[in-house]
Amino acid sequence: MYYNNLSDYYKKKFGSKVIKLSFNGGFTCPNRINGQKGCIFCSGSFEYAGNVNKSLKDQYLEQKNMMDKKWPNAKYIAYFGSFTNTFDSVNNLKKRFEEVLTFPNVIGLSIGTRSDSISDECLEYLKDLNQRTYLTIELGLQSSFDKTLEYINRGHNIQNFIKCVNALKNNKINVVVHLINGLPGETEEMMLENIHFLNKLNIDGIKIHNLFIIKNTTLATIHQHSPIKLLTKDEYINIVCKQLEILKPNIVVHRLTGDPKKEDLIEPEWALKKIDILNGIVKKLKKEKAYQGCKYTDNVN
């Protein structure tokens, strides 16, 4: 295999097919309260999460019934990915997380959040969860450059992120980090530097997304008045391959492309061709006889 993909990792670790089921716990985001509009690329709509108007049990059954048709013996990771899923009282977190852990064949939790939204009390709870289930914390970063984080209205800086990752890893909690390629102002060299930065943080997994513009976002408004130069599909594939070549070999690749809905996408249209993008990445790696970590040189303690 050309990179350390999530499906194979789960199968090796758990001995069976493992599927992520998406849950919407009704959380919000510290970057969207008190009149704030959130990150410039975020519409506040998470179409692929569970239906917030349904109970967690109904969200589970709806997805499980679909998955059973293809993988009747699968195990599940409960994924809370919409908004910031530690931005609440620990009591409310417990109500959601403890409930889904009681559902049949749920073997773990994957919690999407931000580095500025894990309180000391929350960390203590996560430490406890980590002793009882397979826990992963997914942190949105998007870029390792403070000037980019400020431009996209991320709401935290790099030092805050480093502190959070270190706290989680010091407690042996799995950490997955999200990056976006093609953010305004970032060069190919900066996107590669994002990988070097993460290589040194002892993270466990990575998600790489392509920047796309969707409706009802600040980015869409910016683009309407002053068009943003977006990566072409070939440029994106080329950059991802270079990133994989320098990515620490043991880091698990959870995602290599975004997944916009057609009716919400403004551009680029190629962002809808997920299979083409993934096939293009493998084809290029194969052609160049390259693979994840083949050019990895970072010195990591």
Protein backbone atom coordinates (compact mmCIF):
# COMPACT_ATOMS: atom_id res chain seq x y z
CA MET A 1 0.00 0.00 0.00
CA TYR A 2 1.22 3.49 -0.89
CA TYR A 3 0.08 5.08 2.34
CA ASN A 4 -1.03 4.01 5.81
CA ASN A 5 -4.78 4.15 5.26
CA LEU A 6 -7.40 4.08 7.98
CA SER A 7 -9.39 1.07 6.77
CA ASP A 8 -6.37 -1.22 6.84
CA TYR A 9 -5.27 0.18 10.18
CA TYR A 10 -8.65 -0.59 11.77
CA LYS A 11 -8.75 -4.07 10.29
CA LYS A 12 -5.30 -4.87 11.61
CA LYS A 13 -6.04 -3.44 15.05
CA PHE A 14 -9.54 -4.84 15.59
CA GLY A 15 -9.54 -7.87 13.30
CA SER A 16 -12.69 -6.89 11.42
CA LYS A 17 -14.31 -4.19 9.34
CA VAL A 18 -14.68 -1.00 11.38
CA ILE A 19 -17.00 1.81 10.28
CA LYS A 20 -17.40 5.32 11.61
CA LEU A 21 -20.98 6.27 12.37
CA SER A 22 -21.55 10.04 12.44
CA PHE A 23 -23.49 11.53 15.33
CA ASN A 24 -24.74 15.06 15.89
CA GLY A 25 -24.73 15.80 19.60
CA GLY A 26 -26.22 19.28 19.28
CA PHE A 27 -23.02 21.08 20.22
CA THR A 28 -21.96 24.52 19.02
CA CYS A 29 -18.59 26.22 18.49
CA PRO A 30 -16.76 28.91 20.51
CA ASN A 31 -16.05 30.58 17.19
CA ARG A 32 -19.76 30.95 16.40
CA ILE A 33 -21.16 32.48 19.59
CA ASN A 34 -21.77 36.11 20.51
CA GLY A 35 -22.29 37.14 16.90
CA GLN A 36 -19.14 35.48 15.54
CA LYS A 37 -19.41 33.82 12.14
CA GLY A 38 -16.89 31.04 12.60
CA CYS A 39 -14.09 30.06 10.24
CA ILE A 40 -14.44 31.67 6.82
CA PHE A 41 -14.89 28.31 5.06
CA CYS A 42 -17.59 26.99 7.41
CA SER A 43 -21.30 27.31 6.62
CA GLY A 44 -22.36 25.95 10.00
CA SER A 45 -24.07 23.06 8.25
CA PHE A 46 -22.78 19.51 8.65
CA GLU A 47 -24.68 17.52 6.08
CA TYR A 48 -22.92 14.24 6.70
CA ALA A 49 -23.39 14.24 10.46
CA GLY A 50 -26.37 12.64 12.10
CA ASN A 51 -29.69 14.44 12.25
CA VAL A 52 -29.64 16.69 15.33
CA ASN A 53 -33.43 16.43 15.53
CA LYS A 54 -33.22 12.69 16.14
CA SER A 55 -32.12 10.90 19.29
CA LEU A 56 -28.63 9.42 19.38
CA LYS A 57 -30.21 5.96 19.38
CA ASP A 58 -32.22 6.75 16.23
CA GLN A 59 -29.14 8.22 14.56
CA TYR A 60 -27.32 4.99 15.36
CA LEU A 61 -30.07 2.68 14.11
CA GLU A 62 -30.57 4.63 10.90
CA GLN A 63 -26.92 4.31 9.93
CA LYS A 64 -26.44 0.79 11.24
CA ASN A 65 -29.37 -0.51 9.23
CA MET A 66 -27.79 0.88 6.08
CA MET A 67 -24.34 -0.51 6.88
CA ASP A 68 -25.70 -3.96 7.75
CA LYS A 69 -26.68 -4.48 4.13
CA LYS A 70 -23.02 -4.49 3.11
CA TRP A 71 -21.13 -5.23 6.34
CA PRO A 72 -23.43 -7.18 8.69
CA ASN A 73 -20.62 -8.03 11.11
CA ALA A 74 -18.93 -4.67 11.28
CA LYS A 75 -17.84 -2.87 14.42
CA TYR A 76 -18.37 0.84 14.89
CA ILE A 77 -16.58 3.98 15.96
CA ALA A 78 -19.00 6.70 17.13
CA TYR A 79 -17.85 9.90 15.44
CA PHE A 80 -18.95 13.27 16.78
CA GLY A 81 -17.72 15.62 14.05
CA SER A 82 -20.15 18.51 13.76
CA PHE A 83 -19.03 21.75 15.44
CA THR A 84 -16.92 21.52 18.62
CA ASN A 85 -17.75 18.40 20.57
CA THR A 86 -16.04 19.26 23.85
CA PHE A 87 -17.46 22.80 24.02
CA ASP A 88 -19.99 22.08 26.76
CA SER A 89 -20.14 21.06 30.40
CA VAL A 90 -18.57 17.72 31.22
CA ASN A 91 -21.95 16.54 32.47
CA ASN A 92 -23.47 17.15 29.04
CA LEU A 93 -20.52 15.51 27.32
CA LYS A 94 -21.00 12.44 29.49
CA LYS A 95 -24.69 12.22 28.59
CA ARG A 96 -23.85 11.96 24.88
CA PHE A 97 -20.67 9.92 24.93
CA GLU A 98 -21.68 7.41 27.57
CA GLU A 99 -24.95 6.72 25.78
CA VAL A 100 -23.40 5.85 22.41
CA LEU A 101 -20.89 3.56 24.10
CA THR A 102 -23.83 1.39 25.19
CA PHE A 103 -24.95 0.76 21.59
CA PRO A 104 -24.18 -2.73 20.18
CA ASN A 105 -20.76 -3.13 18.52
CA VAL A 106 -19.63 0.43 19.27
CA ILE A 107 -15.98 -0.08 20.19
CA GLY A 108 -14.74 3.49 20.34
CA LEU A 109 -15.27 7.22 20.16
CA SER A 110 -13.84 9.79 17.78
CA ILE A 111 -14.45 13.33 19.00
CA GLY A 112 -13.95 16.33 16.74
CA THR A 113 -12.99 19.51 18.58
CA ARG A 114 -10.63 22.49 18.80
CA SER A 115 -7.43 23.05 20.73
CA ASP A 116 -8.99 25.94 22.66
CA SER A 117 -11.98 23.90 23.83
CA ILE A 118 -10.61 21.21 26.09
CA SER A 119 -10.76 22.40 29.70
CA ASP A 120 -8.78 20.79 32.51
CA GLU A 121 -11.97 19.12 33.72
CA CYS A 122 -12.70 17.87 30.21
CA LEU A 123 -9.18 16.49 29.90
CA GLU A 124 -9.66 14.51 33.09
CA TYR A 125 -12.84 13.02 31.62
CA LEU A 126 -11.08 12.20 28.36
CA LYS A 127 -8.34 10.45 30.33
CA ASP A 128 -11.02 8.31 31.97
CA LEU A 129 -12.70 7.57 28.62
CA ASN A 130 -9.36 6.57 27.18
CA GLN A 131 -9.06 3.85 29.81
CA ARG A 132 -12.46 2.41 28.89
CA THR A 133 -12.74 2.64 25.12
CA TYR A 134 -10.76 3.30 21.96
CA LEU A 135 -10.67 7.11 22.03
CA THR A 136 -9.51 9.49 19.33
CA ILE A 137 -9.53 13.27 19.53
CA GLU A 138 -9.70 15.01 16.15
CA LEU A 139 -8.34 18.55 16.23
CA GLY A 140 -9.02 21.04 13.47
CA LEU A 141 -5.83 22.94 12.70
CA GLN A 142 -6.00 23.67 8.93
CA SER A 143 -2.61 25.43 8.89
CA SER A 144 0.51 25.68 11.04
CA PHE A 145 0.93 29.38 10.23
CA ASP A 146 -0.53 31.97 12.58
CA LYS A 147 -1.07 34.45 9.77
CA THR A 148 -3.24 31.91 7.95
CA LEU A 149 -5.16 31.07 11.12
CA GLU A 150 -5.86 34.76 11.63
CA TYR A 151 -7.03 35.18 8.02
CA ILE A 152 -9.43 32.23 8.18
CA ASN A 153 -10.73 33.47 11.56
CA ARG A 154 -9.71 30.27 13.31
CA GLY A 155 -9.80 31.85 16.76
CA HIS A 156 -6.67 30.25 18.25
CA ASN A 157 -2.95 30.28 17.52
CA ILE A 158 -0.26 27.66 16.98
CA GLN A 159 1.06 27.75 20.53
CA ASN A 160 -2.40 26.96 21.86
CA PHE A 161 -2.58 24.01 19.47
CA ILE A 162 0.84 22.66 20.47
CA LYS A 163 -0.06 22.90 24.16
CA CYS A 164 -3.28 20.96 23.58
CA VAL A 165 -1.62 18.20 21.55
CA ASN A 166 1.10 17.79 24.16
CA ALA A 167 -1.49 17.52 26.94
CA LEU A 168 -3.41 14.83 25.05
CA LYS A 169 -0.33 12.85 24.07
CA ASN A 170 1.09 13.07 27.59
CA ASN A 171 -2.04 11.18 28.59
CA LYS A 172 -1.64 8.65 25.76
CA ILE A 173 -4.75 9.83 23.91
CA ASN A 174 -4.85 9.33 20.13
CA VAL A 175 -4.76 12.59 18.18
CA VAL A 176 -5.83 13.14 14.57
CA VAL A 177 -5.23 16.54 12.95
CA HIS A 178 -7.12 18.20 10.08
CA LEU A 179 -5.29 20.25 7.42
CA ILE A 180 -6.64 22.16 4.43
CA ASN A 181 -4.54 22.50 1.29
CA GLY A 182 -4.97 25.59 -0.85
CA LEU A 183 -5.86 28.16 1.79
CA PRO A 184 -5.48 31.75 0.51
CA GLY A 185 -1.90 32.97 0.73
CA GLU A 186 -0.34 29.57 1.28
CA THR A 187 2.32 28.33 -1.14
CA GLU A 188 3.24 24.74 -1.86
CA GLU A 189 6.26 25.17 0.42
CA MET A 190 3.97 26.24 3.27
CA MET A 191 1.69 23.25 2.74
CA LEU A 192 4.71 20.95 2.95
CA GLU A 193 5.88 22.77 6.06
CA ASN A 194 2.51 21.97 7.63
CA ILE A 195 3.49 18.29 7.40
CA HIS A 196 6.96 18.86 8.87
CA PHE A 197 5.27 20.70 11.74
CA LEU A 198 2.92 17.79 12.48
CA ASN A 199 5.68 15.19 12.14
CA LYS A 200 7.31 16.68 15.22
CA LEU A 201 4.17 16.55 17.40
CA ASN A 202 3.84 12.77 17.77
CA ILE A 203 0.31 12.76 16.34
CA ASP A 204 -1.41 9.51 15.39
CA GLY A 205 -3.46 10.44 12.33
CA ILE A 206 -4.11 13.09 9.73
CA LYS A 207 -6.96 14.30 7.53
CA ILE A 208 -6.05 16.39 4.49
CA HIS A 209 -8.81 18.35 2.79
CA ASN A 210 -8.86 20.40 -0.40
CA LEU A 211 -10.16 23.96 -0.08
CA PHE A 212 -13.52 24.39 -1.77
CA ILE A 213 -15.99 27.24 -1.60
CA ILE A 214 -19.51 26.51 -0.49
CA LYS A 215 -22.58 28.67 -0.21
CA ASN A 216 -23.42 30.72 2.87
CA THR A 217 -19.82 31.16 4.00
CA THR A 218 -17.63 34.21 4.51
CA LEU A 219 -15.26 32.66 1.99
CA ALA A 220 -18.03 32.68 -0.63
CA THR A 221 -18.59 36.39 -0.04
CA ILE A 222 -14.87 37.11 -0.33
CA HIS A 223 -14.67 35.04 -3.51
CA GLN A 224 -17.63 36.87 -5.04
CA HIS A 225 -15.94 40.26 -4.66
CA SER A 226 -12.34 39.18 -5.25
CA PRO A 227 -11.97 35.71 -6.80
CA ILE A 228 -9.68 33.39 -4.85
CA LYS A 229 -7.13 31.37 -6.79
CA LEU A 230 -7.99 27.76 -6.08
CA LEU A 231 -5.80 24.74 -6.71
CA THR A 232 -6.47 22.70 -9.83
CA LYS A 233 -7.06 18.99 -9.39
CA ASP A 234 -3.60 18.18 -10.73
CA GLU A 235 -1.98 20.73 -8.44
CA TYR A 236 -3.80 19.27 -5.45
CA ILE A 237 -2.82 15.70 -6.32
CA ASN A 238 0.79 16.75 -6.81
CA ILE A 239 0.93 18.51 -3.42
CA VAL A 240 -0.74 15.64 -1.54
CA CYS A 241 1.76 13.17 -3.01
CA LYS A 242 4.66 15.37 -1.88
CA GLN A 243 3.06 15.64 1.56
CA LEU A 244 2.70 11.87 1.82
CA GLU A 245 6.32 11.37 0.83
CA ILE A 246 7.52 13.41 3.80
CA LEU A 247 4.80 12.31 6.25
CA LYS A 248 6.02 10.20 9.18
CA PRO A 249 5.38 6.57 8.14
CA ASN A 250 3.41 5.50 11.22
CA ILE A 251 0.85 8.34 11.00
CA VAL A 252 -2.50 6.93 9.86
CA VAL A 253 -4.09 8.70 6.89
CA HIS A 254 -7.79 9.13 7.65
CA ARG A 255 -8.70 11.26 4.63
CA LEU A 256 -7.08 12.77 1.54
CA THR A 257 -9.92 14.81 0.09
CA GLY A 258 -12.97 16.78 1.18
CA ASP A 259 -16.54 15.77 0.45
CA PRO A 260 -18.79 18.72 -0.51
CA LYS A 261 -22.42 18.37 -1.49
CA LYS A 262 -23.08 19.25 -5.11
CA GLU A 263 -25.96 21.61 -4.35
CA ASP A 264 -23.80 23.62 -1.92
CA LEU A 265 -20.56 23.76 -3.90
CA ILE A 266 -19.60 26.96 -5.71
CA GLU A 267 -16.20 25.77 -6.91
CA PRO A 268 -14.00 24.02 -7.87
CA GLU A 269 -16.16 21.42 -9.60
CA TRP A 270 -13.39 18.83 -9.44
CA ALA A 271 -13.89 18.66 -5.64
CA LEU A 272 -16.95 16.48 -6.36
CA LYS A 273 -14.81 13.80 -8.01
CA LYS A 274 -13.59 12.13 -4.85
CA ILE A 275 -12.74 8.77 -6.45
CA ASP A 276 -10.85 10.47 -9.29
CA ILE A 277 -8.77 12.42 -6.79
CA LEU A 278 -7.91 9.36 -4.70
CA ASN A 279 -7.12 7.30 -7.79
CA GLY A 280 -4.99 10.15 -9.10
CA ILE A 281 -2.95 10.22 -5.89
CA VAL A 282 -2.28 6.46 -6.00
CA LYS A 283 -1.49 6.59 -9.73
CA LYS A 284 1.07 9.34 -9.25
CA LEU A 285 2.71 7.62 -6.28
CA LYS A 286 2.88 4.37 -8.25
CA LYS A 287 4.34 6.08 -11.30
CA GLU A 288 7.04 7.76 -9.24
CA LYS A 289 7.66 4.64 -7.12
CA ALA A 290 6.90 6.72 -4.05
CA TYR A 291 5.06 6.00 -0.82
CA GLN A 292 4.29 7.52 2.56
CA GLY A 293 7.48 8.42 4.36
CA CYS A 294 9.88 7.64 1.53
CA LYS A 295 11.38 11.12 2.00
CA TYR A 296 10.72 11.45 5.72
CA THR A 297 13.70 13.13 7.40
CA ASP A 298 12.27 15.07 10.34
CA ASN A 299 14.04 14.54 13.63
CA VAL A 300 11.33 13.74 16.16
CA ASN A 301 12.06 13.22 19.84
